[in-house]
Amino acid sequence: MLGRWVELGLPASEFWAQTPRQILLIFEAQVRRRVREHDERMHHAWHVAALVRLGVASLLDPKGHEFPPLDRLLSTAQEARRPKTDDELRELFIEWLGPPPPKPES
């Protein structure tokens, strides 16, 4: 267990001060952190690849594919957007899912 502790980058001197339960909790937290970091790296890599594809497509067909400006991709752009109205949301859902089914006659 000490080897695993050190492998996780934790100081060996702190290992012996922990209870078995604390060690287990620390190991579980380290695994969750590593999974989250992996997901963040994959998220980043996916977006880089998507932007590269979009950039190449915009070079091949400038009118068909517009490369988004950086300010539209930043998180601050999300904050600046106003909330959608009910009508806008309804239109968006219809665009995604199609028109709602007709109401049954009673």
C-alpha atoms as a PDB file:
ATOM      1  CA  MET A   1       0.000   0.000   0.000  1.00  0.00           C
ATOM      2  CA  LEU A   2       2.854   2.360   0.715  1.00  0.00           C
ATOM      3  CA  GLY A   3       4.047   1.889  -2.868  1.00  0.00           C
ATOM      4  CA  ARG A   4       0.622   2.815  -4.200  1.00  0.00           C
ATOM      5  CA  TRP A   5       0.545   5.848  -1.881  1.00  0.00           C
ATOM      6  CA  VAL A   6       3.878   7.093  -3.250  1.00  0.00           C
ATOM      7  CA  GLU A   7       2.815   6.226  -6.819  1.00  0.00           C
ATOM      8  CA  LEU A   8      -0.084   8.649  -6.368  1.00  0.00           C
ATOM      9  CA  GLY A   9       2.438  11.374  -5.561  1.00  0.00           C
ATOM     10  CA  LEU A  10       1.705  11.506  -1.850  1.00  0.00           C
ATOM     11  CA  PRO A  11       4.568  11.910   0.645  1.00  0.00           C
ATOM     12  CA  ALA A  12       5.635   8.610   2.217  1.00  0.00           C
ATOM     13  CA  SER A  13       6.079  10.317   5.572  1.00  0.00           C
ATOM     14  CA  GLU A  14       2.319  10.967   5.787  1.00  0.00           C
ATOM     15  CA  PHE A  15       1.296   7.383   5.029  1.00  0.00           C
ATOM     16  CA  TRP A  16       1.891   6.020   8.521  1.00  0.00           C
ATOM     17  CA  ALA A  17      -0.130   8.806  10.163  1.00  0.00           C
ATOM     18  CA  GLN A  18      -3.326   7.667   8.351  1.00  0.00           C
ATOM     19  CA  THR A  19      -5.875   5.096   9.437  1.00  0.00           C
ATOM     20  CA  PRO A  20      -6.825   2.368   6.961  1.00  0.00           C
ATOM     21  CA  ARG A  21     -10.171   4.127   6.434  1.00  0.00           C
ATOM     22  CA  GLN A  22      -8.437   7.436   5.677  1.00  0.00           C
ATOM     23  CA  ILE A  23      -6.097   5.705   3.232  1.00  0.00           C
ATOM     24  CA  LEU A  24      -9.087   4.173   1.454  1.00  0.00           C
ATOM     25  CA  LEU A  25     -10.854   7.535   1.241  1.00  0.00           C
ATOM     26  CA  ILE A  26      -7.704   9.220  -0.071  1.00  0.00           C
ATOM     27  CA  PHE A  27      -7.200   6.474  -2.693  1.00  0.00           C
ATOM     28  CA  GLU A  28     -10.819   6.801  -3.827  1.00  0.00           C
ATOM     29  CA  ALA A  29     -10.518  10.599  -4.040  1.00  0.00           C
ATOM     30  CA  GLN A  30      -7.308  10.294  -6.074  1.00  0.00           C
ATOM     31  CA  VAL A  31      -9.020   7.912  -8.504  1.00  0.00           C
ATOM     32  CA  ARG A  32     -11.973  10.295  -8.916  1.00  0.00           C
ATOM     33  CA  ARG A  33      -9.550  13.204  -9.487  1.00  0.00           C
ATOM     34  CA  ARG A  34      -7.625  11.257 -12.113  1.00  0.00           C
ATOM     35  CA  VAL A  35     -10.816  10.212 -13.906  1.00  0.00           C
ATOM     36  CA  ARG A  36     -12.029  13.832 -13.915  1.00  0.00           C
ATOM     37  CA  GLU A  37      -8.662  15.052 -15.234  1.00  0.00           C
ATOM     38  CA  HIS A  38      -8.720  12.374 -17.939  1.00  0.00           C
ATOM     39  CA  ASP A  39     -12.216  13.451 -18.980  1.00  0.00           C
ATOM     40  CA  GLU A  40     -11.098  17.092 -19.084  1.00  0.00           C
ATOM     41  CA  ARG A  41      -8.145  16.171 -21.320  1.00  0.00           C
ATOM     42  CA  MET A  42     -10.396  14.163 -23.653  1.00  0.00           C
ATOM     43  CA  HIS A  43     -12.886  17.046 -23.747  1.00  0.00           C
ATOM     44  CA  HIS A  44     -10.080  19.425 -24.680  1.00  0.00           C
ATOM     45  CA  ALA A  45      -8.649  17.058 -27.321  1.00  0.00           C
ATOM     46  CA  TRP A  46     -12.082  16.534 -28.876  1.00  0.00           C
ATOM     47  CA  HIS A  47     -12.664  20.276 -29.182  1.00  0.00           C
ATOM     48  CA  VAL A  48      -9.213  20.871 -30.646  1.00  0.00           C
ATOM     49  CA  ALA A  49      -9.882  18.182 -33.264  1.00  0.00           C
ATOM     50  CA  ALA A  50     -13.322  19.628 -34.014  1.00  0.00           C
ATOM     51  CA  LEU A  51     -11.908  23.125 -34.441  1.00  0.00           C
ATOM     52  CA  VAL A  52      -9.162  21.806 -36.717  1.00  0.00           C
ATOM     53  CA  ARG A  53     -11.774  20.049 -38.864  1.00  0.00           C
ATOM     54  CA  LEU A  54     -13.857  23.212 -38.956  1.00  0.00           C
ATOM     55  CA  GLY A  55     -10.797  25.298 -39.830  1.00  0.00           C
ATOM     56  CA  VAL A  56      -9.865  22.985 -42.697  1.00  0.00           C
ATOM     57  CA  ALA A  57     -13.469  22.953 -43.933  1.00  0.00           C
ATOM     58  CA  SER A  58     -13.583  26.765 -43.822  1.00  0.00           C
ATOM     59  CA  LEU A  59     -10.419  26.919 -45.933  1.00  0.00           C
ATOM     60  CA  LEU A  60     -11.888  24.535 -48.514  1.00  0.00           C
ATOM     61  CA  ASP A  61     -15.336  26.138 -48.607  1.00  0.00           C
ATOM     62  CA  PRO A  62     -15.256  29.585 -46.919  1.00  0.00           C
ATOM     63  CA  LYS A  63     -18.942  30.290 -47.532  1.00  0.00           C
ATOM     64  CA  GLY A  64     -20.172  26.942 -46.272  1.00  0.00           C
ATOM     65  CA  HIS A  65     -18.268  26.804 -42.987  1.00  0.00           C
ATOM     66  CA  GLU A  66     -17.633  29.822 -40.850  1.00  0.00           C
ATOM     67  CA  PHE A  67     -14.946  29.525 -38.220  1.00  0.00           C
ATOM     68  CA  PRO A  68     -16.395  30.866 -34.957  1.00  0.00           C
ATOM     69  CA  PRO A  69     -14.664  33.878 -33.430  1.00  0.00           C
ATOM     70  CA  LEU A  70     -12.792  33.213 -30.210  1.00  0.00           C
ATOM     71  CA  ASP A  71     -15.038  35.405 -28.060  1.00  0.00           C
ATOM     72  CA  ARG A  72     -17.999  33.172 -28.992  1.00  0.00           C
ATOM     73  CA  LEU A  73     -16.123  30.098 -27.706  1.00  0.00           C
ATOM     74  CA  LEU A  74     -15.002  31.517 -24.364  1.00  0.00           C
ATOM     75  CA  SER A  75     -16.989  30.868 -21.205  1.00  0.00           C
ATOM     76  CA  THR A  76     -17.627  34.599 -20.813  1.00  0.00           C
ATOM     77  CA  ALA A  77     -19.680  34.446 -24.027  1.00  0.00           C
ATOM     78  CA  GLN A  78     -22.041  32.015 -22.291  1.00  0.00           C
ATOM     79  CA  GLU A  79     -22.561  34.453 -19.417  1.00  0.00           C
ATOM     80  CA  ALA A  80     -23.339  37.355 -21.743  1.00  0.00           C
ATOM     81  CA  ARG A  81     -26.192  35.554 -23.478  1.00  0.00           C
ATOM     82  CA  ARG A  82     -29.656  36.390 -22.303  1.00  0.00           C
ATOM     83  CA  PRO A  83     -32.010  33.616 -21.220  1.00  0.00           C
ATOM     84  CA  LYS A  84     -34.308  32.324 -23.957  1.00  0.00           C
ATOM     85  CA  THR A  85     -37.989  33.139 -23.823  1.00  0.00           C
ATOM     86  CA  ASP A  86     -40.610  30.389 -23.701  1.00  0.00           C
ATOM     87  CA  ASP A  87     -41.411  30.963 -27.383  1.00  0.00           C
ATOM     88  CA  GLU A  88     -37.729  30.704 -28.337  1.00  0.00           C
ATOM     89  CA  LEU A  89     -37.382  27.476 -26.360  1.00  0.00           C
ATOM     90  CA  ARG A  90     -40.536  26.055 -27.972  1.00  0.00           C
ATOM     91  CA  GLU A  91     -39.157  26.866 -31.449  1.00  0.00           C
ATOM     92  CA  LEU A  92     -35.833  25.293 -30.545  1.00  0.00           C
ATOM     93  CA  PHE A  93     -37.490  22.079 -29.345  1.00  0.00           C
ATOM     94  CA  ILE A  94     -39.626  21.903 -32.496  1.00  0.00           C
ATOM     95  CA  GLU A  95     -36.475  22.356 -34.572  1.00  0.00           C
ATOM     96  CA  TRP A  96     -34.781  19.475 -32.700  1.00  0.00           C
ATOM     97  CA  LEU A  97     -37.697  17.100 -32.231  1.00  0.00           C
ATOM     98  CA  GLY A  98     -40.221  18.095 -34.865  1.00  0.00           C
ATOM     99  CA  PRO A  99     -43.731  19.400 -34.247  1.00  0.00           C
ATOM    100  CA  PRO A 100     -45.630  17.988 -31.266  1.00  0.00           C
ATOM    101  CA  PRO A 101     -48.159  15.218 -31.970  1.00  0.00           C
ATOM    102  CA  PRO A 102     -51.786  16.357 -32.334  1.00  0.00           C
ATOM    103  CA  LYS A 103     -53.838  16.386 -29.150  1.00  0.00           C
ATOM    104  CA  PRO A 104     -56.321  13.523 -28.911  1.00  0.00           C
ATOM    105  CA  GLU A 105     -59.949  14.549 -29.191  1.00  0.00           C
ATOM    106  CA  SER A 106     -61.970  13.972 -26.057  1.00  0.00           C
END
